[in-house]
């Protein structure tokens, strides 16, 4: 016996599509639920996508804090480069080519900045 997360009724396991479902078939087949389900593609992330997402979040954090660190012995330039390196796999897997180009531009720009100082 399992509890549906929508109607909060206790039902047999056969009333659910599969073992990981939290919503019973009756609640899921209501017209607005069916419509909302058609708008969302259900899939699991591959291990590479999971690692890229985590590295991308860390890289975004580095990029966000970099402007505040630029005045401290140019530490911000190094964190910009690290952040760009960490975010490239995430946007490459997501096929967001404009962000890939932006990160490569960031790598080249701050790489030259580091070399010239």
C-alpha atoms as a PDB file:
ATOM      1  CA  UNK A   1       0.000   0.000   0.000  1.00  0.00           C
ATOM      2  CA  UNK A   2       1.240   3.452  -0.969  1.00  0.00           C
ATOM      3  CA  UNK A   3      -0.057   6.976  -0.521  1.00  0.00           C
ATOM      4  CA  UNK A   4      -0.739   9.199  -3.522  1.00  0.00           C
ATOM      5  CA  UNK A   5       0.912  12.609  -3.226  1.00  0.00           C
ATOM      6  CA  UNK A   6      -2.054  14.416  -4.866  1.00  0.00           C
ATOM      7  CA  UNK A   7      -5.190  12.912  -3.292  1.00  0.00           C
ATOM      8  CA  UNK A   8      -3.395  11.598  -0.146  1.00  0.00           C
ATOM      9  CA  UNK A   9      -5.323   8.321  -0.319  1.00  0.00           C
ATOM     10  CA  UNK A  10      -3.756   4.990   0.489  1.00  0.00           C
ATOM     11  CA  UNK A  11      -3.889   2.711  -2.574  1.00  0.00           C
ATOM     12  CA  UNK A  12      -2.468  -0.569  -3.793  1.00  0.00           C
ATOM     13  CA  UNK A  13       0.789  -0.539  -5.715  1.00  0.00           C
ATOM     14  CA  UNK A  14      -1.049  -1.628  -8.861  1.00  0.00           C
ATOM     15  CA  UNK A  15      -2.788   1.767  -8.941  1.00  0.00           C
ATOM     16  CA  UNK A  16       0.542   3.434  -9.807  1.00  0.00           C
ATOM     17  CA  UNK A  17       2.248   3.306 -13.223  1.00  0.00           C
ATOM     18  CA  UNK A  18       5.541   2.041 -11.796  1.00  0.00           C
ATOM     19  CA  UNK A  19       7.311   1.752  -8.470  1.00  0.00           C
ATOM     20  CA  UNK A  20       8.930   5.215  -8.584  1.00  0.00           C
ATOM     21  CA  UNK A  21       5.664   7.071  -9.301  1.00  0.00           C
ATOM     22  CA  UNK A  22       4.251   9.111  -6.428  1.00  0.00           C
ATOM     23  CA  UNK A  23       0.941   9.997  -8.158  1.00  0.00           C
ATOM     24  CA  UNK A  24      -1.766   7.378  -8.708  1.00  0.00           C
ATOM     25  CA  UNK A  25      -3.151   6.699 -12.186  1.00  0.00           C
ATOM     26  CA  UNK A  26      -6.523   8.275 -11.357  1.00  0.00           C
ATOM     27  CA  UNK A  27      -4.973  11.598 -10.299  1.00  0.00           C
ATOM     28  CA  UNK A  28      -2.558  11.536 -13.203  1.00  0.00           C
ATOM     29  CA  UNK A  29      -5.238  11.073 -15.857  1.00  0.00           C
ATOM     30  CA  UNK A  30      -7.168  14.208 -14.973  1.00  0.00           C
ATOM     31  CA  UNK A  31      -7.158  16.466 -18.021  1.00  0.00           C
ATOM     32  CA  UNK A  32      -4.965  19.212 -16.554  1.00  0.00           C
ATOM     33  CA  UNK A  33      -2.417  16.714 -15.260  1.00  0.00           C
ATOM     34  CA  UNK A  34      -2.295  15.009 -18.639  1.00  0.00           C
ATOM     35  CA  UNK A  35      -1.808  18.375 -20.327  1.00  0.00           C
ATOM     36  CA  UNK A  36       0.988  19.340 -17.927  1.00  0.00           C
ATOM     37  CA  UNK A  37       2.688  15.954 -18.337  1.00  0.00           C
ATOM     38  CA  UNK A  38       2.757  16.389 -22.123  1.00  0.00           C
ATOM     39  CA  UNK A  39       4.690  19.631 -21.668  1.00  0.00           C
ATOM     40  CA  UNK A  40       7.481  17.952 -19.670  1.00  0.00           C
ATOM     41  CA  UNK A  41       9.860  15.329 -21.001  1.00  0.00           C
ATOM     42  CA  UNK A  42      10.728  12.820 -18.302  1.00  0.00           C
ATOM     43  CA  UNK A  43      14.257  11.506 -18.476  1.00  0.00           C
ATOM     44  CA  UNK A  44      17.155  10.786 -16.194  1.00  0.00           C
ATOM     45  CA  UNK A  45      20.469  12.582 -16.519  1.00  0.00           C
ATOM     46  CA  UNK A  46      23.489  10.562 -17.561  1.00  0.00           C
ATOM     47  CA  UNK A  47      26.503  10.530 -15.223  1.00  0.00           C
ATOM     48  CA  UNK A  48      28.420  12.878 -17.547  1.00  0.00           C
ATOM     49  CA  UNK A  49      25.525  15.347 -17.508  1.00  0.00           C
ATOM     50  CA  UNK A  50      25.391  15.217 -13.701  1.00  0.00           C
ATOM     51  CA  UNK A  51      29.130  15.865 -13.334  1.00  0.00           C
ATOM     52  CA  UNK A  52      28.997  18.656 -15.924  1.00  0.00           C
ATOM     53  CA  UNK A  53      26.071  20.298 -14.126  1.00  0.00           C
ATOM     54  CA  UNK A  54      27.850  20.236 -10.778  1.00  0.00           C
ATOM     55  CA  UNK A  55      31.067  21.579 -12.277  1.00  0.00           C
ATOM     56  CA  UNK A  56      29.045  24.227 -14.121  1.00  0.00           C
ATOM     57  CA  UNK A  57      27.448  25.456 -10.899  1.00  0.00           C
ATOM     58  CA  UNK A  58      30.861  25.673  -9.269  1.00  0.00           C
ATOM     59  CA  UNK A  59      32.244  27.511 -12.307  1.00  0.00           C
ATOM     60  CA  UNK A  60      29.340  29.959 -12.210  1.00  0.00           C
ATOM     61  CA  UNK A  61      30.121  30.669  -8.567  1.00  0.00           C
ATOM     62  CA  UNK A  62      33.746  31.396  -9.488  1.00  0.00           C
ATOM     63  CA  UNK A  63      32.635  33.755 -12.262  1.00  0.00           C
ATOM     64  CA  UNK A  64      30.183  35.533  -9.941  1.00  0.00           C
ATOM     65  CA  UNK A  65      32.790  36.237  -7.278  1.00  0.00           C
ATOM     66  CA  UNK A  66      35.568  37.207  -9.725  1.00  0.00           C
ATOM     67  CA  UNK A  67      34.747  40.938 -10.157  1.00  0.00           C
ATOM     68  CA  UNK A  68      35.125  41.447  -6.420  1.00  0.00           C
ATOM     69  CA  UNK A  69      38.528  39.743  -6.392  1.00  0.00           C
ATOM     70  CA  UNK A  70      40.086  41.641  -9.323  1.00  0.00           C
ATOM     71  CA  UNK A  71      41.468  44.371  -7.086  1.00  0.00           C
ATOM     72  CA  UNK A  72      43.080  41.859  -4.705  1.00  0.00           C
ATOM     73  CA  UNK A  73      46.374  41.054  -6.465  1.00  0.00           C
ATOM     74  CA  UNK A  74      44.501  40.122  -9.677  1.00  0.00           C
ATOM     75  CA  UNK A  75      43.065  36.999  -8.032  1.00  0.00           C
ATOM     76  CA  UNK A  76      39.813  37.657  -9.924  1.00  0.00           C
ATOM     77  CA  UNK A  77      41.501  36.985 -13.272  1.00  0.00           C
ATOM     78  CA  UNK A  78      42.507  33.520 -12.093  1.00  0.00           C
ATOM     79  CA  UNK A  79      39.005  32.785 -10.789  1.00  0.00           C
ATOM     80  CA  UNK A  80      37.533  33.977 -14.121  1.00  0.00           C
ATOM     81  CA  UNK A  81      39.711  31.460 -15.964  1.00  0.00           C
ATOM     82  CA  UNK A  82      38.873  28.643 -13.528  1.00  0.00           C
ATOM     83  CA  UNK A  83      35.177  29.481 -13.763  1.00  0.00           C
ATOM     84  CA  UNK A  84      35.234  29.463 -17.558  1.00  0.00           C
ATOM     85  CA  UNK A  85      37.016  26.107 -17.617  1.00  0.00           C
ATOM     86  CA  UNK A  86      34.453  24.612 -15.239  1.00  0.00           C
ATOM     87  CA  UNK A  87      31.377  25.919 -17.075  1.00  0.00           C
ATOM     88  CA  UNK A  88      32.409  24.902 -20.619  1.00  0.00           C
ATOM     89  CA  UNK A  89      31.478  21.166 -20.213  1.00  0.00           C
ATOM     90  CA  UNK A  90      27.989  22.024 -18.940  1.00  0.00           C
ATOM     91  CA  UNK A  91      27.137  24.369 -21.794  1.00  0.00           C
ATOM     92  CA  UNK A  92      28.822  22.100 -24.354  1.00  0.00           C
ATOM     93  CA  UNK A  93      26.616  19.144 -23.342  1.00  0.00           C
ATOM     94  CA  UNK A  94      23.536  21.402 -23.367  1.00  0.00           C
ATOM     95  CA  UNK A  95      24.572  22.610 -26.856  1.00  0.00           C
ATOM     96  CA  UNK A  96      24.420  26.258 -25.857  1.00  0.00           C
ATOM     97  CA  UNK A  97      27.004  27.331 -28.387  1.00  0.00           C
ATOM     98  CA  UNK A  98      26.713  31.060 -27.713  1.00  0.00           C
ATOM     99  CA  UNK A  99      27.736  30.509 -24.081  1.00  0.00           C
ATOM    100  CA  UNK A 100      30.568  28.209 -25.205  1.00  0.00           C
ATOM    101  CA  UNK A 101      31.850  31.014 -27.436  1.00  0.00           C
ATOM    102  CA  UNK A 102      31.474  33.484 -24.568  1.00  0.00           C
ATOM    103  CA  UNK A 103      33.486  31.247 -22.219  1.00  0.00           C
ATOM    104  CA  UNK A 104      36.220  30.711 -24.812  1.00  0.00           C
ATOM    105  CA  UNK A 105      36.363  34.482 -25.265  1.00  0.00           C
ATOM    106  CA  UNK A 106      36.638  34.856 -21.480  1.00  0.00           C
ATOM    107  CA  UNK A 107      39.453  32.277 -21.392  1.00  0.00           C
ATOM    108  CA  UNK A 108      41.405  34.033 -24.144  1.00  0.00           C
ATOM    109  CA  UNK A 109      40.859  37.516 -22.719  1.00  0.00           C
ATOM    110  CA  UNK A 110      41.786  36.790 -19.132  1.00  0.00           C
ATOM    111  CA  UNK A 111      44.519  34.367 -20.230  1.00  0.00           C
ATOM    112  CA  UNK A 112      46.215  37.210 -22.114  1.00  0.00           C
ATOM    113  CA  UNK A 113      45.577  39.510 -19.151  1.00  0.00           C
ATOM    114  CA  UNK A 114      47.343  37.069 -16.806  1.00  0.00           C
ATOM    115  CA  UNK A 115      50.265  36.615 -19.232  1.00  0.00           C
ATOM    116  CA  UNK A 116      50.764  40.372 -19.658  1.00  0.00           C
ATOM    117  CA  UNK A 117      50.806  41.177 -15.933  1.00  0.00           C
END
